[in-house]
Amino acid sequence: MVFWRKGFTLAEVLITLGIIGVVAALTIPAMIAKYNEMLMVNKLKRTYSELANAIELRKAELGTDSYADQFNPDLSAAEQLDGFLKYLNVVERCSTSDSKGCGGNYTTYPKKRTNDGKMDGQRAVLNDGTIVRLEKRNWTGNCEIIYEKYETDANGNYTNVVDGKPVPSGSYVATQCTEIFFDINGPKRRNQYGYDMYSFNVEPGKLNQHTGYGGLYDTMRTGKLTYEKYSTGKF
């Protein structure tokens, strides 16, 4: 008696491989994107924790209950930044004049389509490649600053411009001792807030996220990067 072992035809094998290929093409990119997102969020959490801890240690060193003392306007931006950098692993330190250091003055992009910015000013590179920048605030009272308000269109361009300069539509008061910006992967792309760039305001009694520059608390809470994917360039 002869027993025949049933197998697959070449056509059946090719069809199966084709289905597997289609499924892989549809799912693998999404899996890679999800994995990369997880890496970026975890890096954000570590970096913010290190920065917040350094600022807290500096406050303890000064023996004060307020963050305002270490970011007093009488101190230069360099003095303010160096005050808490001592508690971080810094491998390079740059100022505004160092156009080639710390990644250079590379272009940065907002969460949503608006005018381009720059990563410049007093900054430093940490041992994991993160670039940290401090933007000094000349406040009065208890870290109070008066800002001018400008109207913009959907692309972030100023709508009221006279002789090439934007004209403010009003003003508002904000509480801000300083603002810390950081890029968790240095000058590597995307260089966009909400993806690899974030900032937080330093108020007298707390650190607070800047939703327009990354919204780091929201990102850490949800585990999701929030940014608009648009082409780079001037708008």
Protein backbone atom coordinates (compact mmCIF):
# COMPACT_ATOMS: atom_id res chain seq x y z
CA MET A 1 0.00 0.00 0.00
CA VAL A 2 1.33 3.41 -0.97
CA PHE A 3 0.68 6.46 1.21
CA TRP A 4 0.88 9.89 -0.39
CA ARG A 5 1.94 12.77 1.85
CA LYS A 6 -0.06 15.86 1.04
CA GLY A 7 2.00 19.08 0.67
CA PHE A 8 1.69 22.63 -0.63
CA THR A 9 1.89 23.62 -4.24
CA LEU A 10 4.29 26.33 -5.37
CA ALA A 11 1.35 28.64 -6.01
CA GLU A 12 0.04 28.17 -2.47
CA VAL A 13 3.47 28.91 -0.98
CA LEU A 14 3.84 32.06 -3.08
CA ILE A 15 0.38 33.29 -2.10
CA THR A 16 1.13 32.70 1.57
CA LEU A 17 4.44 34.53 1.33
CA GLY A 18 2.72 37.36 -0.48
CA ILE A 19 0.14 37.72 2.31
CA ILE A 20 2.88 37.65 4.94
CA GLY A 21 4.76 40.33 3.01
CA VAL A 22 1.72 42.60 2.81
CA VAL A 23 0.98 42.21 6.53
CA ALA A 24 4.62 42.89 7.39
CA ALA A 25 4.68 45.98 5.16
CA LEU A 26 1.61 47.32 6.94
CA THR A 27 2.62 46.53 10.53
CA ILE A 28 6.42 46.77 10.76
CA PRO A 29 6.66 50.55 10.06
CA ALA A 30 4.02 51.21 12.72
CA MET A 31 5.87 48.98 15.19
CA ILE A 32 9.16 50.77 14.49
CA ALA A 33 7.51 54.17 14.89
CA LYS A 34 5.96 53.09 18.18
CA TYR A 35 9.30 51.79 19.42
CA ASN A 36 11.09 55.02 18.46
CA GLU A 37 8.37 57.02 20.20
CA MET A 38 8.88 54.98 23.37
CA LEU A 39 12.64 55.64 23.23
CA MET A 40 12.11 59.39 22.84
CA VAL A 41 9.59 59.59 25.69
CA ASN A 42 11.87 57.60 28.01
CA LYS A 43 14.80 59.88 27.11
CA LEU A 44 12.62 62.91 27.82
CA LYS A 45 11.71 61.55 31.25
CA ARG A 46 15.34 60.91 32.17
CA THR A 47 16.54 64.29 30.91
CA TYR A 48 13.83 66.30 32.62
CA SER A 49 14.40 64.44 35.87
CA GLU A 50 18.13 65.23 35.73
CA LEU A 51 17.54 68.92 34.95
CA ALA A 52 14.87 69.34 37.62
CA ASN A 53 17.08 67.61 40.19
CA ALA A 54 20.06 69.83 39.32
CA ILE A 55 17.96 72.97 39.73
CA GLU A 56 16.64 71.65 43.04
CA LEU A 57 20.17 70.94 44.27
CA ARG A 58 21.24 74.45 43.34
CA LYS A 59 18.32 75.85 45.32
CA ALA A 60 19.34 73.77 48.34
CA GLU A 61 22.93 74.99 47.95
CA LEU A 62 21.74 78.59 48.14
CA GLY A 63 19.60 77.75 51.18
CA THR A 64 16.44 79.32 49.78
CA ASP A 65 12.81 78.29 49.36
CA SER A 66 12.44 80.01 45.99
CA TYR A 67 13.90 79.29 42.57
CA ALA A 68 14.00 83.05 41.99
CA ASP A 69 17.31 83.47 43.83
CA GLN A 70 19.33 81.33 41.42
CA PHE A 71 17.77 83.08 38.43
CA ASN A 72 17.97 86.64 39.72
CA PRO A 73 18.22 89.21 36.86
CA ASP A 74 21.34 90.65 38.51
CA LEU A 75 23.12 87.42 37.48
CA SER A 76 24.16 86.95 33.88
CA ALA A 77 22.66 84.17 31.79
CA ALA A 78 26.01 82.35 32.02
CA GLU A 79 26.03 82.58 35.82
CA GLN A 80 22.47 81.32 36.03
CA LEU A 81 23.15 78.35 33.77
CA ASP A 82 26.49 77.46 35.40
CA GLY A 83 24.79 77.52 38.79
CA PHE A 84 23.02 74.20 38.18
CA LEU A 85 25.27 72.76 35.45
CA LYS A 86 27.71 71.74 38.20
CA TYR A 87 25.24 69.01 39.13
CA LEU A 88 25.11 67.59 35.60
CA ASN A 89 27.61 65.67 33.45
CA VAL A 90 28.63 68.44 31.05
CA VAL A 91 31.06 67.69 28.21
CA GLU A 92 30.90 71.05 26.38
CA ARG A 93 29.91 74.58 27.37
CA CYS A 94 29.14 77.34 24.86
CA SER A 95 27.94 80.92 24.67
CA THR A 96 26.25 82.99 21.97
CA SER A 97 29.58 83.74 20.29
CA ASP A 98 30.43 80.04 19.94
CA SER A 99 28.66 79.55 16.60
CA LYS A 100 30.32 76.19 15.94
CA GLY A 101 30.19 74.73 19.44
CA CYS A 102 27.41 72.75 21.09
CA GLY A 103 25.90 71.77 17.77
CA GLY A 104 26.19 75.27 16.35
CA ASN A 105 23.28 77.67 15.98
CA TYR A 106 21.06 75.17 14.20
CA THR A 107 17.47 75.79 13.13
CA THR A 108 14.68 74.52 15.36
CA TYR A 109 10.99 74.02 14.57
CA PRO A 110 7.84 74.55 16.67
CA LYS A 111 5.19 71.91 17.33
CA LYS A 112 3.01 73.57 14.71
CA ARG A 113 3.88 75.38 11.52
CA THR A 114 5.20 78.85 12.49
CA ASN A 115 8.32 80.94 12.02
CA ASP A 116 11.64 79.14 12.49
CA GLY A 117 13.77 79.54 15.58
CA LYS A 118 17.38 78.91 16.55
CA MET A 119 19.25 76.88 19.14
CA ASP A 120 21.74 79.49 20.29
CA GLY A 121 22.69 81.50 23.37
CA GLN A 122 24.13 80.15 26.63
CA ARG A 123 24.05 76.36 26.36
CA ALA A 124 25.82 73.14 27.20
CA VAL A 125 26.08 69.57 25.97
CA LEU A 126 25.56 66.76 28.46
CA ASN A 127 27.33 63.42 28.27
CA ASP A 128 24.34 61.74 26.62
CA GLY A 129 24.22 64.31 23.79
CA THR A 130 21.43 66.45 25.22
CA ILE A 131 21.81 70.19 24.58
CA VAL A 132 20.56 72.50 27.33
CA ARG A 133 19.94 76.21 26.82
CA LEU A 134 18.93 78.91 29.28
CA GLU A 135 17.02 82.00 28.24
CA LYS A 136 17.40 84.75 30.81
CA ARG A 137 14.37 86.74 31.94
CA ASN A 138 14.71 90.31 33.25
CA TRP A 139 11.85 90.13 35.73
CA THR A 140 10.70 92.42 38.51
CA GLY A 141 8.78 91.77 41.73
CA ASN A 142 8.32 88.02 42.11
CA CYS A 143 9.46 86.85 38.67
CA GLU A 144 6.82 88.96 36.91
CA ILE A 145 7.37 89.94 33.28
CA ILE A 146 5.25 92.01 30.89
CA TYR A 147 5.08 90.46 27.42
CA GLU A 148 3.70 92.03 24.27
CA LYS A 149 0.99 90.11 22.46
CA TYR A 150 1.01 89.66 18.69
CA GLU A 151 -1.75 88.41 16.43
CA THR A 152 -0.78 85.63 14.01
CA ASP A 153 -2.42 83.66 11.22
CA ALA A 154 -2.83 79.87 11.00
CA ASN A 155 0.82 79.50 9.95
CA GLY A 156 2.13 81.59 12.83
CA ASN A 157 2.97 84.61 10.68
CA TYR A 158 2.29 88.08 12.12
CA THR A 159 -0.88 89.65 10.73
CA ASN A 160 -0.14 93.24 11.74
CA VAL A 161 3.20 94.31 10.27
CA VAL A 162 4.35 97.89 9.71
CA ASP A 163 7.60 98.68 7.87
CA GLY A 164 8.60 95.03 8.13
CA LYS A 165 8.13 94.86 11.91
CA PRO A 166 5.27 93.20 13.81
CA VAL A 167 3.05 95.53 15.82
CA PRO A 168 1.75 94.28 19.21
CA SER A 169 -1.98 94.16 19.82
CA GLY A 170 -1.64 94.35 23.60
CA SER A 171 0.32 92.97 26.56
CA TYR A 172 0.03 90.48 29.41
CA VAL A 173 1.85 89.64 32.65
CA ALA A 174 3.54 86.24 33.11
CA THR A 175 5.33 84.70 36.08
CA GLN A 176 8.66 83.40 34.82
CA CYS A 177 12.06 83.46 36.53
CA THR A 178 13.71 81.89 33.50
CA GLU A 179 13.03 79.33 30.78
CA ILE A 180 15.07 76.21 30.11
CA PHE A 181 15.14 74.71 26.63
CA PHE A 182 16.61 71.32 25.81
CA ASP A 183 17.10 69.03 22.82
CA ILE A 184 17.28 65.40 23.93
CA ASN A 185 19.24 64.20 20.88
CA GLY A 186 21.27 67.32 20.09
CA PRO A 187 21.38 68.66 16.52
CA LYS A 188 20.12 65.37 15.09
CA ARG A 189 16.77 65.68 13.33
CA ARG A 190 13.90 66.49 13.82
CA ASN A 191 14.89 69.42 16.05
CA GLN A 192 11.21 70.08 16.63
CA TYR A 193 9.32 70.90 19.80
CA GLY A 194 7.05 68.07 20.82
CA TYR A 195 9.37 65.46 19.29
CA ASP A 196 12.96 65.86 20.50
CA MET A 197 12.85 69.42 21.89
CA TYR A 198 11.11 70.74 25.00
CA SER A 199 11.18 73.62 27.46
CA PHE A 200 9.89 74.47 30.91
CA ASN A 201 9.32 77.67 32.81
CA VAL A 202 10.90 78.20 36.20
CA GLU A 203 8.48 79.97 38.53
CA PRO A 204 9.32 81.00 42.13
CA GLY A 205 7.84 77.86 43.65
CA LYS A 206 7.69 75.31 40.86
CA LEU A 207 8.75 74.17 37.41
CA ASN A 208 6.02 74.35 34.81
CA GLN A 209 5.72 73.04 31.25
CA HIS A 210 5.51 75.36 28.29
CA THR A 211 2.78 73.82 26.13
CA GLY A 212 3.86 75.77 23.06
CA TYR A 213 7.39 74.38 23.32
CA GLY A 214 6.75 70.67 23.65
CA GLY A 215 4.33 70.26 26.54
CA LEU A 216 6.69 67.85 28.31
CA TYR A 217 4.32 67.00 31.20
CA ASP A 218 1.60 66.00 28.73
CA THR A 219 4.07 63.90 26.74
CA MET A 220 5.41 62.12 29.81
CA ARG A 221 1.89 61.44 31.09
CA THR A 222 0.44 60.08 27.84
CA GLY A 223 3.62 58.49 26.45
CA LYS A 224 2.82 60.06 23.08
CA LEU A 225 4.82 62.60 21.08
CA THR A 226 2.70 65.54 19.95
CA TYR A 227 3.93 67.53 16.95
CA GLU A 228 2.80 68.51 13.48
CA LYS A 229 4.68 66.82 10.64
CA TYR A 230 5.42 69.56 8.15
CA SER A 231 8.21 70.36 5.72
CA THR A 232 11.09 72.44 7.06
CA GLY A 233 11.94 75.90 5.88
CA LYS A 234 10.69 79.46 6.21
CA PHE A 235 6.95 80.03 6.43
